[in-house]
Amino acid sequence: MDILITYGYLGVFLASFLAATILPFSSEVVLTGVLLAGASSWPCLIAASIGNTLGGMSCYWIGRLGKTEWVEKYLKMNKEKLHKVQEWVRRKGAWSAFFVFLPGVGDFIAVALGFLRANIWLVALFMTVGKTLRYWVWMEFVFKMQAMV
């Protein structure tokens, strides 16, 4: 993670992208490191949001391919859990992409949206809003903790 921190905004982008894909990764650690190293908050927020959204959209596209075997094999997703999430997403629609940032269920939502062929533009919009708000809240937390020290 140290190497990503040294890359600054590019490191934040890469960490955020990887964290939203099949790799278990903490983009918050890299984002925090870059912020504490003195980087500007807006470019960090933009890099993290775009990277994480593109990573989330990669899960959407995997779902859109419609191969349950691939989802089980490459994303290590439980078939039954995926079907439960699909039913929830079917009832809620594309706006459920807002919740893709949630740990444990976010990837399932993105894949389910792809399986269900949800409107890609609405998915991208709601996903971006959710992920941006998440990073903004995280950055506010970092700044509050930094001020306390």
C-alpha atoms as a PDB file:
ATOM      1  CA  MET A   1       0.000   0.000   0.000  1.00  0.00           C
ATOM      2  CA  ASP A   2       2.926   2.330   0.623  1.00  0.00           C
ATOM      3  CA  ILE A   3       3.798   2.322  -3.058  1.00  0.00           C
ATOM      4  CA  LEU A   4       0.274   3.404  -3.983  1.00  0.00           C
ATOM      5  CA  ILE A   5       0.467   6.227  -1.449  1.00  0.00           C
ATOM      6  CA  THR A   6       3.669   7.477  -3.090  1.00  0.00           C
ATOM      7  CA  TYR A   7       1.816   7.685  -6.425  1.00  0.00           C
ATOM      8  CA  GLY A   8      -0.589  10.237  -4.940  1.00  0.00           C
ATOM      9  CA  TYR A   9      -3.780  10.772  -6.916  1.00  0.00           C
ATOM     10  CA  LEU A  10      -2.951   7.961  -9.346  1.00  0.00           C
ATOM     11  CA  GLY A  11      -2.427   5.656  -6.357  1.00  0.00           C
ATOM     12  CA  VAL A  12      -5.831   6.682  -4.960  1.00  0.00           C
ATOM     13  CA  PHE A  13      -7.418   5.956  -8.334  1.00  0.00           C
ATOM     14  CA  LEU A  14      -5.767   2.530  -8.649  1.00  0.00           C
ATOM     15  CA  ALA A  15      -6.531   1.542  -5.056  1.00  0.00           C
ATOM     16  CA  SER A  16     -10.155   2.609  -5.461  1.00  0.00           C
ATOM     17  CA  PHE A  17     -10.514   0.708  -8.713  1.00  0.00           C
ATOM     18  CA  LEU A  18      -9.005  -2.465  -7.249  1.00  0.00           C
ATOM     19  CA  ALA A  19     -11.145  -2.210  -4.114  1.00  0.00           C
ATOM     20  CA  ALA A  20     -14.309  -2.270  -6.232  1.00  0.00           C
ATOM     21  CA  THR A  21     -13.299  -5.346  -8.199  1.00  0.00           C
ATOM     22  CA  ILE A  22     -12.765  -8.935  -7.132  1.00  0.00           C
ATOM     23  CA  LEU A  23      -9.605  -8.109  -5.172  1.00  0.00           C
ATOM     24  CA  PRO A  24      -9.936  -7.602  -1.426  1.00  0.00           C
ATOM     25  CA  PHE A  25      -8.366  -4.184  -1.007  1.00  0.00           C
ATOM     26  CA  SER A  26      -8.781  -1.135   1.235  1.00  0.00           C
ATOM     27  CA  SER A  27      -8.798   2.058  -0.769  1.00  0.00           C
ATOM     28  CA  GLU A  28      -9.500   4.030   2.405  1.00  0.00           C
ATOM     29  CA  VAL A  29      -5.988   3.280   3.695  1.00  0.00           C
ATOM     30  CA  VAL A  30      -4.393   4.672   0.530  1.00  0.00           C
ATOM     31  CA  LEU A  31      -6.762   7.653   0.444  1.00  0.00           C
ATOM     32  CA  THR A  32      -5.958   8.444   4.076  1.00  0.00           C
ATOM     33  CA  GLY A  33      -2.219   8.161   3.470  1.00  0.00           C
ATOM     34  CA  VAL A  34      -2.346  10.474   0.473  1.00  0.00           C
ATOM     35  CA  LEU A  35      -4.476  13.008   2.347  1.00  0.00           C
ATOM     36  CA  LEU A  36      -2.180  12.949   5.370  1.00  0.00           C
ATOM     37  CA  ALA A  37       0.803  13.436   3.038  1.00  0.00           C
ATOM     38  CA  GLY A  38      -0.718  16.803   2.125  1.00  0.00           C
ATOM     39  CA  ALA A  39      -2.646  16.134  -1.076  1.00  0.00           C
ATOM     40  CA  SER A  40      -5.648  18.305  -1.946  1.00  0.00           C
ATOM     41  CA  SER A  41      -8.985  16.843  -0.975  1.00  0.00           C
ATOM     42  CA  TRP A  42     -10.948  17.522  -4.186  1.00  0.00           C
ATOM     43  CA  PRO A  43      -8.567  15.713  -6.546  1.00  0.00           C
ATOM     44  CA  CYS A  44      -8.450  12.825  -4.042  1.00  0.00           C
ATOM     45  CA  LEU A  45     -12.253  12.678  -3.939  1.00  0.00           C
ATOM     46  CA  ILE A  46     -12.479  12.741  -7.738  1.00  0.00           C
ATOM     47  CA  ALA A  47      -9.777  10.082  -8.211  1.00  0.00           C
ATOM     48  CA  ALA A  48     -11.307   7.786  -5.587  1.00  0.00           C
ATOM     49  CA  SER A  49     -14.858   8.200  -6.899  1.00  0.00           C
ATOM     50  CA  ILE A  50     -13.974   7.624 -10.551  1.00  0.00           C
ATOM     51  CA  GLY A  51     -11.711   4.664  -9.786  1.00  0.00           C
ATOM     52  CA  ASN A  52     -14.242   3.000  -7.505  1.00  0.00           C
ATOM     53  CA  THR A  53     -17.108   3.601  -9.933  1.00  0.00           C
ATOM     54  CA  LEU A  54     -15.147   2.089 -12.830  1.00  0.00           C
ATOM     55  CA  GLY A  55     -14.309  -0.912 -10.650  1.00  0.00           C
ATOM     56  CA  GLY A  56     -17.974  -1.290  -9.713  1.00  0.00           C
ATOM     57  CA  MET A  57     -18.983  -1.033 -13.349  1.00  0.00           C
ATOM     58  CA  SER A  58     -16.607  -3.886 -14.151  1.00  0.00           C
ATOM     59  CA  CYS A  59     -18.726  -6.047 -11.816  1.00  0.00           C
ATOM     60  CA  TYR A  60     -21.836  -4.772 -13.615  1.00  0.00           C
ATOM     61  CA  TRP A  61     -20.347  -5.892 -16.960  1.00  0.00           C
ATOM     62  CA  ILE A  62     -19.440  -9.303 -15.594  1.00  0.00           C
ATOM     63  CA  GLY A  63     -23.063  -9.682 -14.549  1.00  0.00           C
ATOM     64  CA  ARG A  64     -24.226  -8.434 -17.919  1.00  0.00           C
ATOM     65  CA  LEU A  65     -22.337 -11.304 -19.551  1.00  0.00           C
ATOM     66  CA  GLY A  66     -24.889 -13.512 -17.807  1.00  0.00           C
ATOM     67  CA  LYS A  67     -22.636 -16.433 -16.953  1.00  0.00           C
ATOM     68  CA  THR A  68     -23.449 -17.542 -13.415  1.00  0.00           C
ATOM     69  CA  GLU A  69     -20.570 -20.022 -13.534  1.00  0.00           C
ATOM     70  CA  TRP A  70     -18.104 -17.158 -14.143  1.00  0.00           C
ATOM     71  CA  VAL A  71     -19.534 -15.147 -11.277  1.00  0.00           C
ATOM     72  CA  GLU A  72     -19.159 -18.116  -8.951  1.00  0.00           C
ATOM     73  CA  LYS A  73     -15.673 -18.987 -10.201  1.00  0.00           C
ATOM     74  CA  TYR A  74     -14.022 -15.568 -10.626  1.00  0.00           C
ATOM     75  CA  LEU A  75     -15.937 -13.393  -8.183  1.00  0.00           C
ATOM     76  CA  LYS A  76     -16.370 -16.172  -5.605  1.00  0.00           C
ATOM     77  CA  MET A  77     -20.025 -15.233  -5.178  1.00  0.00           C
ATOM     78  CA  ASN A  78     -22.553 -17.576  -3.679  1.00  0.00           C
ATOM     79  CA  LYS A  79     -25.241 -18.442  -6.242  1.00  0.00           C
ATOM     80  CA  GLU A  80     -28.093 -18.375  -3.711  1.00  0.00           C
ATOM     81  CA  LYS A  81     -27.073 -15.010  -2.282  1.00  0.00           C
ATOM     82  CA  LEU A  82     -26.787 -13.610  -5.795  1.00  0.00           C
ATOM     83  CA  HIS A  83     -30.338 -14.748  -6.592  1.00  0.00           C
ATOM     84  CA  LYS A  84     -31.659 -13.124  -3.406  1.00  0.00           C
ATOM     85  CA  VAL A  85     -29.945  -9.854  -4.293  1.00  0.00           C
ATOM     86  CA  GLN A  86     -31.273 -10.116  -7.855  1.00  0.00           C
ATOM     87  CA  GLU A  87     -34.823 -10.303  -6.533  1.00  0.00           C
ATOM     88  CA  TRP A  88     -34.245  -7.248  -4.349  1.00  0.00           C
ATOM     89  CA  VAL A  89     -32.677  -5.337  -7.267  1.00  0.00           C
ATOM     90  CA  ARG A  90     -35.530  -6.397  -9.574  1.00  0.00           C
ATOM     91  CA  ARG A  91     -38.005  -4.745  -7.178  1.00  0.00           C
ATOM     92  CA  LYS A  92     -35.911  -1.605  -6.574  1.00  0.00           C
ATOM     93  CA  GLY A  93     -34.498  -0.926 -10.026  1.00  0.00           C
ATOM     94  CA  ALA A  94     -31.409   0.942 -11.161  1.00  0.00           C
ATOM     95  CA  TRP A  95     -31.381   3.322  -8.191  1.00  0.00           C
ATOM     96  CA  SER A  96     -30.214   0.384  -6.041  1.00  0.00           C
ATOM     97  CA  ALA A  97     -26.775   1.009  -7.605  1.00  0.00           C
ATOM     98  CA  PHE A  98     -26.447   3.757  -4.979  1.00  0.00           C
ATOM     99  CA  PHE A  99     -25.770   0.977  -2.438  1.00  0.00           C
ATOM    100  CA  VAL A 100     -22.954  -0.716  -4.378  1.00  0.00           C
ATOM    101  CA  PHE A 101     -20.486   0.892  -1.941  1.00  0.00           C
ATOM    102  CA  LEU A 102     -21.756  -1.312   0.901  1.00  0.00           C
ATOM    103  CA  PRO A 103     -19.281  -3.979   2.034  1.00  0.00           C
ATOM    104  CA  GLY A 104     -20.401  -7.583   1.696  1.00  0.00           C
ATOM    105  CA  VAL A 105     -23.332  -6.921  -0.606  1.00  0.00           C
ATOM    106  CA  GLY A 106     -22.195  -4.155  -2.974  1.00  0.00           C
ATOM    107  CA  ASP A 107     -20.539  -6.439  -5.521  1.00  0.00           C
ATOM    108  CA  PHE A 108     -23.653  -8.629  -5.538  1.00  0.00           C
ATOM    109  CA  ILE A 109     -25.797  -5.581  -6.305  1.00  0.00           C
ATOM    110  CA  ALA A 110     -23.525  -4.526  -9.185  1.00  0.00           C
ATOM    111  CA  VAL A 111     -23.499  -8.018 -10.685  1.00  0.00           C
ATOM    112  CA  ALA A 112     -27.275  -8.369 -10.236  1.00  0.00           C
ATOM    113  CA  LEU A 113     -27.832  -5.044 -12.010  1.00  0.00           C
ATOM    114  CA  GLY A 114     -25.785  -6.387 -14.907  1.00  0.00           C
ATOM    115  CA  PHE A 115     -27.673  -9.700 -14.991  1.00  0.00           C
ATOM    116  CA  LEU A 116     -30.944  -7.784 -15.055  1.00  0.00           C
ATOM    117  CA  ARG A 117     -29.696  -5.484 -17.821  1.00  0.00           C
ATOM    118  CA  ALA A 118     -30.491  -2.376 -15.778  1.00  0.00           C
ATOM    119  CA  ASN A 119     -30.042   0.932 -17.594  1.00  0.00           C
ATOM    120  CA  ILE A 120     -26.276   1.429 -17.697  1.00  0.00           C
ATOM    121  CA  TRP A 121     -26.485   5.236 -17.508  1.00  0.00           C
ATOM    122  CA  LEU A 122     -28.716   5.202 -14.429  1.00  0.00           C
ATOM    123  CA  VAL A 123     -26.567   2.514 -12.819  1.00  0.00           C
ATOM    124  CA  ALA A 124     -23.424   4.577 -13.433  1.00  0.00           C
ATOM    125  CA  LEU A 125     -25.092   7.730 -12.124  1.00  0.00           C
ATOM    126  CA  PHE A 126     -26.437   6.201  -8.905  1.00  0.00           C
ATOM    127  CA  MET A 127     -23.256   4.209  -8.337  1.00  0.00           C
ATOM    128  CA  THR A 128     -21.146   7.358  -8.714  1.00  0.00           C
ATOM    129  CA  VAL A 129     -23.327   9.291  -6.280  1.00  0.00           C
ATOM    130  CA  GLY A 130     -23.169   6.538  -3.643  1.00  0.00           C
ATOM    131  CA  LYS A 131     -19.439   6.010  -3.959  1.00  0.00           C
ATOM    132  CA  THR A 132     -18.680   9.750  -3.965  1.00  0.00           C
ATOM    133  CA  LEU A 133     -20.748  10.295  -0.816  1.00  0.00           C
ATOM    134  CA  ARG A 134     -18.968   7.395   0.854  1.00  0.00           C
ATOM    135  CA  TYR A 135     -15.523   8.834   0.115  1.00  0.00           C
ATOM    136  CA  TRP A 136     -16.619  12.324   1.137  1.00  0.00           C
ATOM    137  CA  VAL A 137     -17.828  10.996   4.499  1.00  0.00           C
ATOM    138  CA  TRP A 138     -14.558   9.076   4.908  1.00  0.00           C
ATOM    139  CA  MET A 139     -12.500  12.186   4.141  1.00  0.00           C
ATOM    140  CA  GLU A 140     -14.501  14.219   6.660  1.00  0.00           C
ATOM    141  CA  PHE A 141     -13.775  11.511   9.240  1.00  0.00           C
ATOM    142  CA  VAL A 142     -10.042  11.662   8.445  1.00  0.00           C
ATOM    143  CA  PHE A 143     -10.013  15.455   8.769  1.00  0.00           C
ATOM    144  CA  LYS A 144     -11.922  15.324  12.089  1.00  0.00           C
ATOM    145  CA  MET A 145      -9.502  12.713  13.462  1.00  0.00           C
ATOM    146  CA  GLN A 146      -6.527  14.747  12.247  1.00  0.00           C
ATOM    147  CA  ALA A 147      -7.871  17.859  13.964  1.00  0.00           C
ATOM    148  CA  MET A 148      -8.208  15.948  17.242  1.00  0.00           C
ATOM    149  CA  VAL A 149      -4.538  14.950  17.213  1.00  0.00           C
END
